[in-house]
C-alpha atoms as a PDB file:
ATOM      1  CA  UNK A   1      10.235  14.708 -14.547  1.00  0.00           C
ATOM      2  CA  UNK A   2      14.057  15.464 -13.522  1.00  0.00           C
ATOM      3  CA  UNK A   3      12.744  19.086 -12.913  1.00  0.00           C
ATOM      4  CA  UNK A   4      10.761  18.047  -9.810  1.00  0.00           C
ATOM      5  CA  UNK A   5      11.304  18.847  -6.709  1.00  0.00           C
ATOM      6  CA  UNK A   6      10.853  15.854  -4.637  1.00  0.00           C
ATOM      7  CA  UNK A   7      10.516  12.148  -5.280  1.00  0.00           C
ATOM      8  CA  UNK A   8       7.299  10.668  -4.056  1.00  0.00           C
ATOM      9  CA  UNK A   9       4.075  11.402  -1.904  1.00  0.00           C
ATOM     10  CA  UNK A  10       1.633   8.741  -0.805  1.00  0.00           C
ATOM     11  CA  UNK A  11      -1.845   9.323   0.061  1.00  0.00           C
ATOM     12  CA  UNK A  12      -3.964   7.702   2.508  1.00  0.00           C
ATOM     13  CA  UNK A  13      -4.212   5.926   5.882  1.00  0.00           C
ATOM     14  CA  UNK A  14      -1.685   5.908   8.782  1.00  0.00           C
ATOM     15  CA  UNK A  15      -2.164   4.392  12.150  1.00  0.00           C
ATOM     16  CA  UNK A  16      -0.553   3.221  15.465  1.00  0.00           C
ATOM     17  CA  UNK A  17      -0.054  -0.868  14.848  1.00  0.00           C
ATOM     18  CA  UNK A  18      -0.376  -3.009  17.998  1.00  0.00           C
ATOM     19  CA  UNK A  19       1.318  -6.079  17.124  1.00  0.00           C
ATOM     20  CA  UNK A  20       1.194  -9.395  19.352  1.00  0.00           C
ATOM     21  CA  UNK A  21       4.457 -10.105  21.597  1.00  0.00           C
ATOM     22  CA  UNK A  22       3.715 -13.749  21.609  1.00  0.00           C
ATOM     23  CA  UNK A  23       4.137 -15.105  17.943  1.00  0.00           C
ATOM     24  CA  UNK A  24       2.604 -18.136  17.220  1.00  0.00           C
ATOM     25  CA  UNK A  25      -0.099 -17.753  20.070  1.00  0.00           C
ATOM     26  CA  UNK A  26      -3.697 -17.558  19.153  1.00  0.00           C
ATOM     27  CA  UNK A  27      -5.243 -14.149  19.187  1.00  0.00           C
ATOM     28  CA  UNK A  28      -7.374 -15.010  22.277  1.00  0.00           C
ATOM     29  CA  UNK A  29      -4.280 -15.656  24.140  1.00  0.00           C
ATOM     30  CA  UNK A  30      -2.136 -12.565  23.611  1.00  0.00           C
ATOM     31  CA  UNK A  31      -0.492 -11.342  26.499  1.00  0.00           C
ATOM     32  CA  UNK A  32       0.981  -7.950  25.341  1.00  0.00           C
ATOM     33  CA  UNK A  33       1.524  -5.725  22.246  1.00  0.00           C
ATOM     34  CA  UNK A  34       4.365  -3.738  20.569  1.00  0.00           C
ATOM     35  CA  UNK A  35       3.363  -0.448  19.482  1.00  0.00           C
ATOM     36  CA  UNK A  36       4.513   0.374  15.751  1.00  0.00           C
ATOM     37  CA  UNK A  37       2.963   2.173  12.994  1.00  0.00           C
ATOM     38  CA  UNK A  38       1.217   1.303  10.032  1.00  0.00           C
ATOM     39  CA  UNK A  39      -0.945   2.108   7.095  1.00  0.00           C
ATOM     40  CA  UNK A  40      -0.139   1.130   3.753  1.00  0.00           C
ATOM     41  CA  UNK A  41       0.755   4.479   2.394  1.00  0.00           C
ATOM     42  CA  UNK A  42       2.728   5.357   5.518  1.00  0.00           C
ATOM     43  CA  UNK A  43       4.422   2.036   5.315  1.00  0.00           C
ATOM     44  CA  UNK A  44       5.292   2.855   1.619  1.00  0.00           C
ATOM     45  CA  UNK A  45       6.599   6.440   2.460  1.00  0.00           C
ATOM     46  CA  UNK A  46       8.847   5.108   5.144  1.00  0.00           C
ATOM     47  CA  UNK A  47       9.906   2.452   2.968  1.00  0.00           C
ATOM     48  CA  UNK A  48      11.097   4.779   0.290  1.00  0.00           C
ATOM     49  CA  UNK A  49      12.657   7.330   2.789  1.00  0.00           C
ATOM     50  CA  UNK A  50      14.794   4.643   4.160  1.00  0.00           C
ATOM     51  CA  UNK A  51      15.973   3.872   0.701  1.00  0.00           C
ATOM     52  CA  UNK A  52      17.177   7.242   0.180  1.00  0.00           C
ATOM     53  CA  UNK A  53      14.092   9.060  -1.798  1.00  0.00           C
ATOM     54  CA  UNK A  54      12.518  12.191  -0.551  1.00  0.00           C
ATOM     55  CA  UNK A  55       9.349  10.786   0.236  1.00  0.00           C
ATOM     56  CA  UNK A  56       6.357  12.978   1.680  1.00  0.00           C
ATOM     57  CA  UNK A  57       2.787  11.366   3.435  1.00  0.00           C
ATOM     58  CA  UNK A  58      -0.273  13.039   2.714  1.00  0.00           C
ATOM     59  CA  UNK A  59      -2.589  11.845   5.329  1.00  0.00           C
ATOM     60  CA  UNK A  60      -4.433  12.992   8.624  1.00  0.00           C
ATOM     61  CA  UNK A  61      -4.408  12.561  12.422  1.00  0.00           C
ATOM     62  CA  UNK A  62      -6.389  13.291  15.209  1.00  0.00           C
ATOM     63  CA  UNK A  63      -5.576  16.019  17.959  1.00  0.00           C
ATOM     64  CA  UNK A  64      -4.401  13.194  20.260  1.00  0.00           C
ATOM     65  CA  UNK A  65      -1.646  11.052  21.472  1.00  0.00           C
ATOM     66  CA  UNK A  66      -1.649   8.610  18.599  1.00  0.00           C
ATOM     67  CA  UNK A  67      -1.233  11.294  16.035  1.00  0.00           C
ATOM     68  CA  UNK A  68       1.467  12.739  17.968  1.00  0.00           C
ATOM     69  CA  UNK A  69       3.290   8.990  18.273  1.00  0.00           C
ATOM     70  CA  UNK A  70       2.744   8.753  14.261  1.00  0.00           C
ATOM     71  CA  UNK A  71       4.116  11.856  13.536  1.00  0.00           C
ATOM     72  CA  UNK A  72       7.091  11.561  15.793  1.00  0.00           C
ATOM     73  CA  UNK A  73       7.744   8.132  13.869  1.00  0.00           C
ATOM     74  CA  UNK A  74       7.608   9.716  10.662  1.00  0.00           C
ATOM     75  CA  UNK A  75       9.848  12.840  11.316  1.00  0.00           C
ATOM     76  CA  UNK A  76      12.647  10.270  12.872  1.00  0.00           C
ATOM     77  CA  UNK A  77      12.283   8.496   9.485  1.00  0.00           C
ATOM     78  CA  UNK A  78      12.822  11.850   7.661  1.00  0.00           C
ATOM     79  CA  UNK A  79       9.338  11.324   5.864  1.00  0.00           C
ATOM     80  CA  UNK A  80       8.105  14.995   5.183  1.00  0.00           C
ATOM     81  CA  UNK A  81       5.137  15.458   7.413  1.00  0.00           C
ATOM     82  CA  UNK A  82       4.367  18.900   6.507  1.00  0.00           C
ATOM     83  CA  UNK A  83       1.315  18.105   4.509  1.00  0.00           C
ATOM     84  CA  UNK A  84      -0.360  16.130   7.324  1.00  0.00           C
ATOM     85  CA  UNK A  85      -3.138  18.197   8.836  1.00  0.00           C
ATOM     86  CA  UNK A  86      -4.688  17.402  12.420  1.00  0.00           C
ATOM     87  CA  UNK A  87      -8.425  16.972  12.289  1.00  0.00           C
ATOM     88  CA  UNK A  88     -10.097  18.283  15.348  1.00  0.00           C
ATOM     89  CA  UNK A  89     -12.858  15.801  16.508  1.00  0.00           C
ATOM     90  CA  UNK A  90     -11.762  13.105  14.806  1.00  0.00           C
ATOM     91  CA  UNK A  91      -9.648  10.059  15.911  1.00  0.00           C
ATOM     92  CA  UNK A  92      -6.045   8.997  14.676  1.00  0.00           C
ATOM     93  CA  UNK A  93      -6.503   5.212  13.271  1.00  0.00           C
ATOM     94  CA  UNK A  94      -5.416   2.203  15.448  1.00  0.00           C
ATOM     95  CA  UNK A  95      -4.864  -1.539  14.549  1.00  0.00           C
ATOM     96  CA  UNK A  96      -4.474  -4.473  16.610  1.00  0.00           C
ATOM     97  CA  UNK A  97      -2.697  -7.579  14.968  1.00  0.00           C
ATOM     98  CA  UNK A  98      -2.050 -11.356  15.590  1.00  0.00           C
ATOM     99  CA  UNK A  99       0.760 -13.437  14.442  1.00  0.00           C
ATOM    100  CA  UNK A 100       0.366 -16.860  13.674  1.00  0.00           C
ATOM    101  CA  UNK A 101       2.997 -18.030  11.231  1.00  0.00           C
ATOM    102  CA  UNK A 102       2.960 -19.469   8.663  1.00  0.00           C
ATOM    103  CA  UNK A 103      -0.269 -18.287   7.433  1.00  0.00           C
ATOM    104  CA  UNK A 104      -2.706 -16.550  10.124  1.00  0.00           C
ATOM    105  CA  UNK A 105      -2.251 -12.713  10.751  1.00  0.00           C
ATOM    106  CA  UNK A 106      -5.322 -11.690  12.247  1.00  0.00           C
ATOM    107  CA  UNK A 107      -6.057  -8.076  12.634  1.00  0.00           C
ATOM    108  CA  UNK A 108      -8.818  -5.577  13.881  1.00  0.00           C
ATOM    109  CA  UNK A 109      -9.267  -1.978  12.533  1.00  0.00           C
ATOM    110  CA  UNK A 110     -10.352   0.853  14.812  1.00  0.00           C
ATOM    111  CA  UNK A 111     -11.327   3.346  12.327  1.00  0.00           C
ATOM    112  CA  UNK A 112     -14.710   4.743  13.229  1.00  0.00           C
ATOM    113  CA  UNK A 113     -14.473   8.651  12.892  1.00  0.00           C
ATOM    114  CA  UNK A 114     -10.920   8.005  11.267  1.00  0.00           C
ATOM    115  CA  UNK A 115      -8.634  11.178  10.895  1.00  0.00           C
ATOM    116  CA  UNK A 116      -7.179  10.167   7.598  1.00  0.00           C
ATOM    117  CA  UNK A 117     -10.643   9.295   6.217  1.00  0.00           C
ATOM    118  CA  UNK A 118     -11.340  13.214   6.755  1.00  0.00           C
ATOM    119  CA  UNK A 119      -8.731  14.225   4.286  1.00  0.00           C
ATOM    120  CA  UNK A 120      -9.969  16.604   1.876  1.00  0.00           C
ATOM    121  CA  UNK A 121      -9.780  18.946  -1.259  1.00  0.00           C
ATOM    122  CA  UNK A 122      -7.712  21.367   0.554  1.00  0.00           C
ATOM    123  CA  UNK A 123      -5.392  19.193   2.059  1.00  0.00           C
ATOM    124  CA  UNK A 124      -4.859  17.871  -1.419  1.00  0.00           C
ATOM    125  CA  UNK A 125      -3.961  21.529  -2.773  1.00  0.00           C
ATOM    126  CA  UNK A 126      -1.675  22.378   0.305  1.00  0.00           C
ATOM    127  CA  UNK A 127       0.404  19.319  -0.490  1.00  0.00           C
ATOM    128  CA  UNK A 128       1.722  20.764  -3.997  1.00  0.00           C
ATOM    129  CA  UNK A 129       1.507  17.384  -5.560  1.00  0.00           C
ATOM    130  CA  UNK A 130       2.713  18.775  -8.714  1.00  0.00           C
ATOM    131  CA  UNK A 131       6.213  18.930  -7.201  1.00  0.00           C
ATOM    132  CA  UNK A 132       6.640  15.370  -6.998  1.00  0.00           C
ATOM    133  CA  UNK A 133       7.799  12.769  -9.622  1.00  0.00           C
ATOM    134  CA  UNK A 134       5.407   9.938  -8.163  1.00  0.00           C
ATOM    135  CA  UNK A 135       1.908  10.030  -6.140  1.00  0.00           C
ATOM    136  CA  UNK A 136       0.823   6.690  -4.947  1.00  0.00           C
ATOM    137  CA  UNK A 137      -2.869   6.370  -4.010  1.00  0.00           C
ATOM    138  CA  UNK A 138      -4.396   3.886  -2.074  1.00  0.00           C
ATOM    139  CA  UNK A 139      -7.783   1.706  -2.375  1.00  0.00           C
ATOM    140  CA  UNK A 140      -8.977   2.367   1.222  1.00  0.00           C
ATOM    141  CA  UNK A 141      -8.492   5.744   1.117  1.00  0.00           C
ATOM    142  CA  UNK A 142     -11.623   6.027  -1.424  1.00  0.00           C
ATOM    143  CA  UNK A 143     -14.009   4.025   0.910  1.00  0.00           C
ATOM    144  CA  UNK A 144     -15.535   7.152   2.069  1.00  0.00           C
ATOM    145  CA  UNK A 145     -15.971  10.699   1.750  1.00  0.00           C
ATOM    146  CA  UNK A 146     -14.179  13.216   1.724  1.00  0.00           C
ATOM    147  CA  UNK A 147     -11.047  11.270   1.449  1.00  0.00           C
ATOM    148  CA  UNK A 148     -12.375   9.617  -1.673  1.00  0.00           C
ATOM    149  CA  UNK A 149     -12.790  12.996  -3.717  1.00  0.00           C
ATOM    150  CA  UNK A 150      -9.584  13.905  -2.290  1.00  0.00           C
ATOM    151  CA  UNK A 151      -8.016  11.235  -3.776  1.00  0.00           C
ATOM    152  CA  UNK A 152      -9.511  11.479  -7.244  1.00  0.00           C
ATOM    153  CA  UNK A 153      -8.521  15.357  -7.120  1.00  0.00           C
ATOM    154  CA  UNK A 154      -4.994  14.388  -6.355  1.00  0.00           C
ATOM    155  CA  UNK A 155      -5.137  12.024  -9.469  1.00  0.00           C
ATOM    156  CA  UNK A 156      -6.430  14.987 -11.493  1.00  0.00           C
ATOM    157  CA  UNK A 157      -3.502  17.210 -10.445  1.00  0.00           C
ATOM    158  CA  UNK A 158      -0.990  14.744 -11.066  1.00  0.00           C
ATOM    159  CA  UNK A 159      -2.238  14.099 -14.459  1.00  0.00           C
ATOM    160  CA  UNK A 160      -2.033  17.669 -15.283  1.00  0.00           C
ATOM    161  CA  UNK A 161       1.376  17.984 -14.093  1.00  0.00           C
ATOM    162  CA  UNK A 162       3.357  14.903 -15.582  1.00  0.00           C
ATOM    163  CA  UNK A 163       3.009  12.992 -12.023  1.00  0.00           C
ATOM    164  CA  UNK A 164       3.227   9.283 -12.452  1.00  0.00           C
ATOM    165  CA  UNK A 165       0.070   7.734 -10.668  1.00  0.00           C
ATOM    166  CA  UNK A 166       0.686   4.385  -9.060  1.00  0.00           C
ATOM    167  CA  UNK A 167      -2.462   2.641  -7.501  1.00  0.00           C
ATOM    168  CA  UNK A 168      -1.912   0.229  -4.685  1.00  0.00           C
ATOM    169  CA  UNK A 169      -5.509  -1.837  -4.841  1.00  0.00           C
ATOM    170  CA  UNK A 170      -5.321  -2.423  -0.960  1.00  0.00           C
ATOM    171  CA  UNK A 171      -8.575  -4.095  -0.546  1.00  0.00           C
ATOM    172  CA  UNK A 172      -9.683  -4.068   2.889  1.00  0.00           C
ATOM    173  CA  UNK A 173     -13.106  -5.684   2.942  1.00  0.00           C
ATOM    174  CA  UNK A 174     -14.649  -4.528   6.356  1.00  0.00           C
ATOM    175  CA  UNK A 175     -13.970  -0.981   5.286  1.00  0.00           C
ATOM    176  CA  UNK A 176     -16.355  -1.073   2.506  1.00  0.00           C
ATOM    177  CA  UNK A 177     -20.284  -1.152   2.983  1.00  0.00           C
ATOM    178  CA  UNK A 178     -20.395  -3.260  -0.118  1.00  0.00           C
ATOM    179  CA  UNK A 179     -17.804  -5.443  -1.639  1.00  0.00           C
ATOM    180  CA  UNK A 180     -19.015  -4.318  -5.095  1.00  0.00           C
ATOM    181  CA  UNK A 181     -18.730  -0.565  -4.056  1.00  0.00           C
ATOM    182  CA  UNK A 182     -14.737  -1.290  -4.093  1.00  0.00           C
ATOM    183  CA  UNK A 183     -14.738  -2.793  -7.750  1.00  0.00           C
ATOM    184  CA  UNK A 184     -16.809   0.248  -8.814  1.00  0.00           C
ATOM    185  CA  UNK A 185     -14.498   2.645  -7.354  1.00  0.00           C
ATOM    186  CA  UNK A 186     -11.182   1.060  -8.357  1.00  0.00           C
ATOM    187  CA  UNK A 187     -12.650   0.889 -12.320  1.00  0.00           C
ATOM    188  CA  UNK A 188     -13.437   4.535 -11.698  1.00  0.00           C
ATOM    189  CA  UNK A 189      -9.940   5.592 -11.075  1.00  0.00           C
ATOM    190  CA  UNK A 190      -8.099   3.114 -12.992  1.00  0.00           C
ATOM    191  CA  UNK A 191      -8.184   5.323 -16.343  1.00  0.00           C
ATOM    192  CA  UNK A 192      -5.705   7.675 -14.433  1.00  0.00           C
ATOM    193  CA  UNK A 193      -3.594   5.474 -13.225  1.00  0.00           C
ATOM    194  CA  UNK A 194      -0.256   4.248 -14.824  1.00  0.00           C
ATOM    195  CA  UNK A 195       0.734   1.478 -12.598  1.00  0.00           C
ATOM    196  CA  UNK A 196      -1.345  -0.686 -10.409  1.00  0.00           C
ATOM    197  CA  UNK A 197      -0.203  -2.951  -7.949  1.00  0.00           C
ATOM    198  CA  UNK A 198      -2.238  -5.794  -6.026  1.00  0.00           C
ATOM    199  CA  UNK A 199      -2.984  -9.312  -5.171  1.00  0.00           C
ATOM    200  CA  UNK A 200      -4.659 -11.878  -6.978  1.00  0.00           C
ATOM    201  CA  UNK A 201      -7.521 -11.217  -4.268  1.00  0.00           C
ATOM    202  CA  UNK A 202      -7.325  -7.669  -4.710  1.00  0.00           C
ATOM    203  CA  UNK A 203      -7.827  -7.876  -8.733  1.00  0.00           C
ATOM    204  CA  UNK A 204     -10.746 -10.208  -8.225  1.00  0.00           C
ATOM    205  CA  UNK A 205     -12.410  -7.766  -5.902  1.00  0.00           C
ATOM    206  CA  UNK A 206     -11.549  -4.924  -8.239  1.00  0.00           C
ATOM    207  CA  UNK A 207     -13.658  -6.823 -10.698  1.00  0.00           C
ATOM    208  CA  UNK A 208     -16.334  -7.886  -8.545  1.00  0.00           C
ATOM    209  CA  UNK A 209     -19.970  -6.634  -9.866  1.00  0.00           C
ATOM    210  CA  UNK A 210     -23.222  -8.236 -10.882  1.00  0.00           C
ATOM    211  CA  UNK A 211     -22.237  -8.954 -14.334  1.00  0.00           C
ATOM    212  CA  UNK A 212     -18.803 -10.654 -13.434  1.00  0.00           C
ATOM    213  CA  UNK A 213     -17.718 -14.023 -13.007  1.00  0.00           C
ATOM    214  CA  UNK A 214     -15.977 -13.350  -9.401  1.00  0.00           C
ATOM    215  CA  UNK A 215     -17.767 -14.589  -6.711  1.00  0.00           C
ATOM    216  CA  UNK A 216     -17.352 -14.646  -2.721  1.00  0.00           C
ATOM    217  CA  UNK A 217     -17.450 -17.993  -1.431  1.00  0.00           C
ATOM    218  CA  UNK A 218     -18.051 -17.041   2.315  1.00  0.00           C
ATOM    219  CA  UNK A 219     -18.905 -13.726   3.924  1.00  0.00           C
ATOM    220  CA  UNK A 220     -16.605 -13.317   6.834  1.00  0.00           C
ATOM    221  CA  UNK A 221     -16.260  -9.405   6.558  1.00  0.00           C
ATOM    222  CA  UNK A 222     -12.604  -9.133   7.240  1.00  0.00           C
ATOM    223  CA  UNK A 223     -11.418 -11.947   4.762  1.00  0.00           C
ATOM    224  CA  UNK A 224     -13.544 -12.923   2.443  1.00  0.00           C
ATOM    225  CA  UNK A 225     -12.495 -15.575   0.069  1.00  0.00           C
ATOM    226  CA  UNK A 226     -13.124 -14.659  -3.538  1.00  0.00           C
ATOM    227  CA  UNK A 227     -12.664 -16.674  -6.374  1.00  0.00           C
ATOM    228  CA  UNK A 228     -13.068 -16.192 -10.319  1.00  0.00           C
ATOM    229  CA  UNK A 229     -11.256 -16.326 -13.416  1.00  0.00           C
ATOM    230  CA  UNK A 230      -7.837 -14.218 -12.577  1.00  0.00           C
ATOM    231  CA  UNK A 231      -6.974 -13.811 -16.160  1.00  0.00           C
ATOM    232  CA  UNK A 232     -10.344 -12.485 -17.133  1.00  0.00           C
ATOM    233  CA  UNK A 233      -9.963 -10.000 -14.403  1.00  0.00           C
ATOM    234  CA  UNK A 234      -6.276  -8.785 -15.254  1.00  0.00           C
ATOM    235  CA  UNK A 235      -7.466  -8.360 -18.772  1.00  0.00           C
ATOM    236  CA  UNK A 236     -10.335  -6.060 -17.651  1.00  0.00           C
ATOM    237  CA  UNK A 237      -8.152  -4.043 -15.388  1.00  0.00           C
ATOM    238  CA  UNK A 238      -5.811  -3.406 -18.291  1.00  0.00           C
ATOM    239  CA  UNK A 239      -8.312  -2.578 -20.666  1.00  0.00           C
ATOM    240  CA  UNK A 240      -9.152   0.334 -18.366  1.00  0.00           C
ATOM    241  CA  UNK A 241      -5.888   2.088 -19.726  1.00  0.00           C
ATOM    242  CA  UNK A 242      -3.091   1.629 -17.417  1.00  0.00           C
ATOM    243  CA  UNK A 243       0.210   0.495 -18.703  1.00  0.00           C
ATOM    244  CA  UNK A 244       1.018  -1.918 -16.199  1.00  0.00           C
ATOM    245  CA  UNK A 245      -0.478  -4.182 -13.567  1.00  0.00           C
ATOM    246  CA  UNK A 246       1.747  -5.952 -10.940  1.00  0.00           C
ATOM    247  CA  UNK A 247       0.296  -8.923  -9.752  1.00  0.00           C
ATOM    248  CA  UNK A 248       2.068  -9.787  -6.342  1.00  0.00           C
ATOM    249  CA  UNK A 249       2.237 -13.572  -5.658  1.00  0.00           C
ATOM    250  CA  UNK A 250       3.963 -13.707  -2.429  1.00  0.00           C
ATOM    251  CA  UNK A 251       6.862 -15.936  -1.949  1.00  0.00           C
ATOM    252  CA  UNK A 252       6.315 -16.602  -5.768  1.00  0.00           C
ATOM    253  CA  UNK A 253       7.415 -13.130  -6.565  1.00  0.00           C
ATOM    254  CA  UNK A 254       5.483 -11.032  -8.952  1.00  0.00           C
ATOM    255  CA  UNK A 255       4.002 -10.904 -12.350  1.00  0.00           C
ATOM    256  CA  UNK A 256       3.968  -7.957 -14.697  1.00  0.00           C
ATOM    257  CA  UNK A 257       1.253  -7.288 -16.893  1.00  0.00           C
ATOM    258  CA  UNK A 258       1.093  -4.774 -19.746  1.00  0.00           C
ATOM    259  CA  UNK A 259      -1.438  -3.277 -21.814  1.00  0.00           C
ATOM    260  CA  UNK A 260       0.155  -5.060 -25.034  1.00  0.00           C
ATOM    261  CA  UNK A 261      -0.737  -8.343 -23.472  1.00  0.00           C
ATOM    262  CA  UNK A 262       2.695  -9.583 -22.368  1.00  0.00           C
ATOM    263  CA  UNK A 263       3.427 -11.267 -19.173  1.00  0.00           C
ATOM    264  CA  UNK A 264       6.997 -11.282 -17.515  1.00  0.00           C
ATOM    265  CA  UNK A 265       7.468 -13.348 -14.098  1.00  0.00           C
ATOM    266  CA  UNK A 266       9.686 -11.803 -11.515  1.00  0.00           C
ATOM    267  CA  UNK A 267      10.922 -14.512  -9.018  1.00  0.00           C
ATOM    268  CA  UNK A 268      10.982 -13.797  -5.397  1.00  0.00           C
ATOM    269  CA  UNK A 269      13.755 -14.497  -2.620  1.00  0.00           C
ATOM    270  CA  UNK A 270      13.068 -17.364  -0.535  1.00  0.00           C
ATOM    271  CA  UNK A 271      13.248 -16.487   3.354  1.00  0.00           C
ATOM    272  CA  UNK A 272      11.517 -18.143   6.345  1.00  0.00           C
ATOM    273  CA  UNK A 273       8.395 -16.070   7.160  1.00  0.00           C
ATOM    274  CA  UNK A 274       7.465 -14.631  10.273  1.00  0.00           C
ATOM    275  CA  UNK A 275       4.818 -11.926   9.253  1.00  0.00           C
ATOM    276  CA  UNK A 276       3.602 -11.118   5.831  1.00  0.00           C
ATOM    277  CA  UNK A 277       1.798  -8.063   7.286  1.00  0.00           C
ATOM    278  CA  UNK A 278       3.696  -5.013   5.245  1.00  0.00           C
ATOM    279  CA  UNK A 279       5.445  -7.298   2.827  1.00  0.00           C
ATOM    280  CA  UNK A 280       3.529  -5.917   0.005  1.00  0.00           C
ATOM    281  CA  UNK A 281       4.113  -2.330   1.091  1.00  0.00           C
ATOM    282  CA  UNK A 282       7.553  -2.991   1.494  1.00  0.00           C
ATOM    283  CA  UNK A 283       7.264  -4.208  -2.466  1.00  0.00           C
ATOM    284  CA  UNK A 284       5.721  -1.292  -3.346  1.00  0.00           C
ATOM    285  CA  UNK A 285       8.622   0.834  -1.749  1.00  0.00           C
ATOM    286  CA  UNK A 286      11.461  -1.030  -3.417  1.00  0.00           C
ATOM    287  CA  UNK A 287       9.602  -0.948  -6.771  1.00  0.00           C
ATOM    288  CA  UNK A 288       9.205   2.835  -6.662  1.00  0.00           C
ATOM    289  CA  UNK A 289      12.765   3.337  -5.964  1.00  0.00           C
ATOM    290  CA  UNK A 290      13.672   1.334  -8.810  1.00  0.00           C
ATOM    291  CA  UNK A 291      11.175   3.233 -11.076  1.00  0.00           C
ATOM    292  CA  UNK A 292      12.616   6.591 -10.075  1.00  0.00           C
ATOM    293  CA  UNK A 293      16.112   5.561 -10.725  1.00  0.00           C
ATOM    294  CA  UNK A 294      15.221   4.704 -14.147  1.00  0.00           C
ATOM    295  CA  UNK A 295      15.516   0.765 -13.969  1.00  0.00           C
ATOM    296  CA  UNK A 296      13.249  -1.392 -16.094  1.00  0.00           C
ATOM    297  CA  UNK A 297      10.013  -2.929 -14.703  1.00  0.00           C
ATOM    298  CA  UNK A 298      12.017  -6.531 -14.075  1.00  0.00           C
ATOM    299  CA  UNK A 299      15.007  -5.079 -12.172  1.00  0.00           C
ATOM    300  CA  UNK A 300      12.388  -2.750 -10.186  1.00  0.00           C
ATOM    301  CA  UNK A 301      10.267  -5.909  -9.141  1.00  0.00           C
ATOM    302  CA  UNK A 302      13.309  -7.860  -7.956  1.00  0.00           C
ATOM    303  CA  UNK A 303      14.108  -4.467  -5.811  1.00  0.00           C
ATOM    304  CA  UNK A 304      10.592  -4.568  -4.673  1.00  0.00           C
ATOM    305  CA  UNK A 305      10.730  -8.638  -4.074  1.00  0.00           C
ATOM    306  CA  UNK A 306      14.036  -7.966  -1.858  1.00  0.00           C
ATOM    307  CA  UNK A 307      12.351  -5.490   0.242  1.00  0.00           C
ATOM    308  CA  UNK A 308       9.307  -7.578   0.794  1.00  0.00           C
ATOM    309  CA  UNK A 309      11.231 -10.694   1.462  1.00  0.00           C
ATOM    310  CA  UNK A 310      13.328  -8.883   4.295  1.00  0.00           C
ATOM    311  CA  UNK A 311      10.184  -7.580   5.951  1.00  0.00           C
ATOM    312  CA  UNK A 312       8.498 -10.844   6.250  1.00  0.00           C
ATOM    313  CA  UNK A 313      11.410 -12.151   8.530  1.00  0.00           C
ATOM    314  CA  UNK A 314      10.394  -9.382  10.967  1.00  0.00           C
ATOM    315  CA  UNK A 315       7.544  -8.655  13.492  1.00  0.00           C
ATOM    316  CA  UNK A 316       6.186  -5.458  11.832  1.00  0.00           C
ATOM    317  CA  UNK A 317       5.696  -3.130   8.840  1.00  0.00           C
ATOM    318  CA  UNK A 318       7.099   0.489   8.581  1.00  0.00           C
ATOM    319  CA  UNK A 319       9.721  -0.048  11.778  1.00  0.00           C
ATOM    320  CA  UNK A 320      11.352  -2.850   9.776  1.00  0.00           C
ATOM    321  CA  UNK A 321      11.892  -1.462   6.088  1.00  0.00           C
ATOM    322  CA  UNK A 322      15.169  -2.061   4.962  1.00  0.00           C
ATOM    323  CA  UNK A 323      17.719   0.651   3.875  1.00  0.00           C
ATOM    324  CA  UNK A 324      19.400   0.716   0.455  1.00  0.00           C
ATOM    325  CA  UNK A 325      22.540  -0.842   1.856  1.00  0.00           C
ATOM    326  CA  UNK A 326      20.524  -3.744   3.082  1.00  0.00           C
ATOM    327  CA  UNK A 327      18.545  -4.330   0.111  1.00  0.00           C
ATOM    328  CA  UNK A 328      21.382  -4.283  -2.221  1.00  0.00           C
ATOM    329  CA  UNK A 329      23.667  -6.601   0.291  1.00  0.00           C
ATOM    330  CA  UNK A 330      20.358  -8.781   0.730  1.00  0.00           C
ATOM    331  CA  UNK A 331      20.116  -9.220  -3.360  1.00  0.00           C
ATOM    332  CA  UNK A 332      23.980  -9.721  -3.843  1.00  0.00           C
ATOM    333  CA  UNK A 333      24.060 -12.358  -1.058  1.00  0.00           C
ATOM    334  CA  UNK A 334      21.176 -13.996  -3.078  1.00  0.00           C
ATOM    335  CA  UNK A 335      22.481 -14.235  -6.250  1.00  0.00           C
ATOM    336  CA  UNK A 336      22.007 -10.476  -7.530  1.00  0.00           C
ATOM    337  CA  UNK A 337      19.344  -9.076  -9.709  1.00  0.00           C
END
């Protein structure tokens, strides 16, 4: 892998994120918004770049001012934007978000005719994925065509060219026509994946089927409550052929599950939470940094936990990803790895 030209390319959604300026206010009483950028793959690309990795984002934007806003931010963050096509007739995505600590962060997606969902096989070919050490793919990018086929095709190229594939499950219920379709799609792509990352809810969703013991307790489309036997769901995903499953547990850190059946818990860093949105993406960036530096899984996850802990004290996602200097100092101040 040392012969690769670049470090990491992330594939999937990108957006302008409008964050409430009124922290703690109910969504209906928000008076103003701050304009940031977001989308899980975009956040992860920025997180990697701030840590010093050579990162690229494979997404698409519309021929509009929001697209210009997104590209301008990425360029300022030294994320390679050369493989981001402009999709005429489609719109760059937007998300509107409230901040009601400690545990309410309502958000609304505007993704009808989303440009990043128009990412296609030709766009993947133009991105030269074989030049990278890691390809990060994203669950939401597989909710519709042509971005679904583009993602599967990207993994084929990565497999053939010794590029490690990391999957961020990223379950967004209101982006799927049927919750079960998410699980079917994730289970189809997992055999190509080396490392999968997700919360317990996302892992349960990835095993949701007519035959599973996982159930949805209520049907609020944006945030269904999914319950089930998490250990059985973890075992099911590990049986797909992945080497490692990282289960994000918020303030409790991360659990590393490997295909040999072992589990290792990696503690988090206690901080006062302002906004949990983007914490998982920060984790992925920190983890990938450790992975590419040759660190073991435990140390890489601690780096990821440190990134996530710093971001939850801020009011946005990509705009607040820590630098390598900030993360190493944060870890040292908290007692080290």
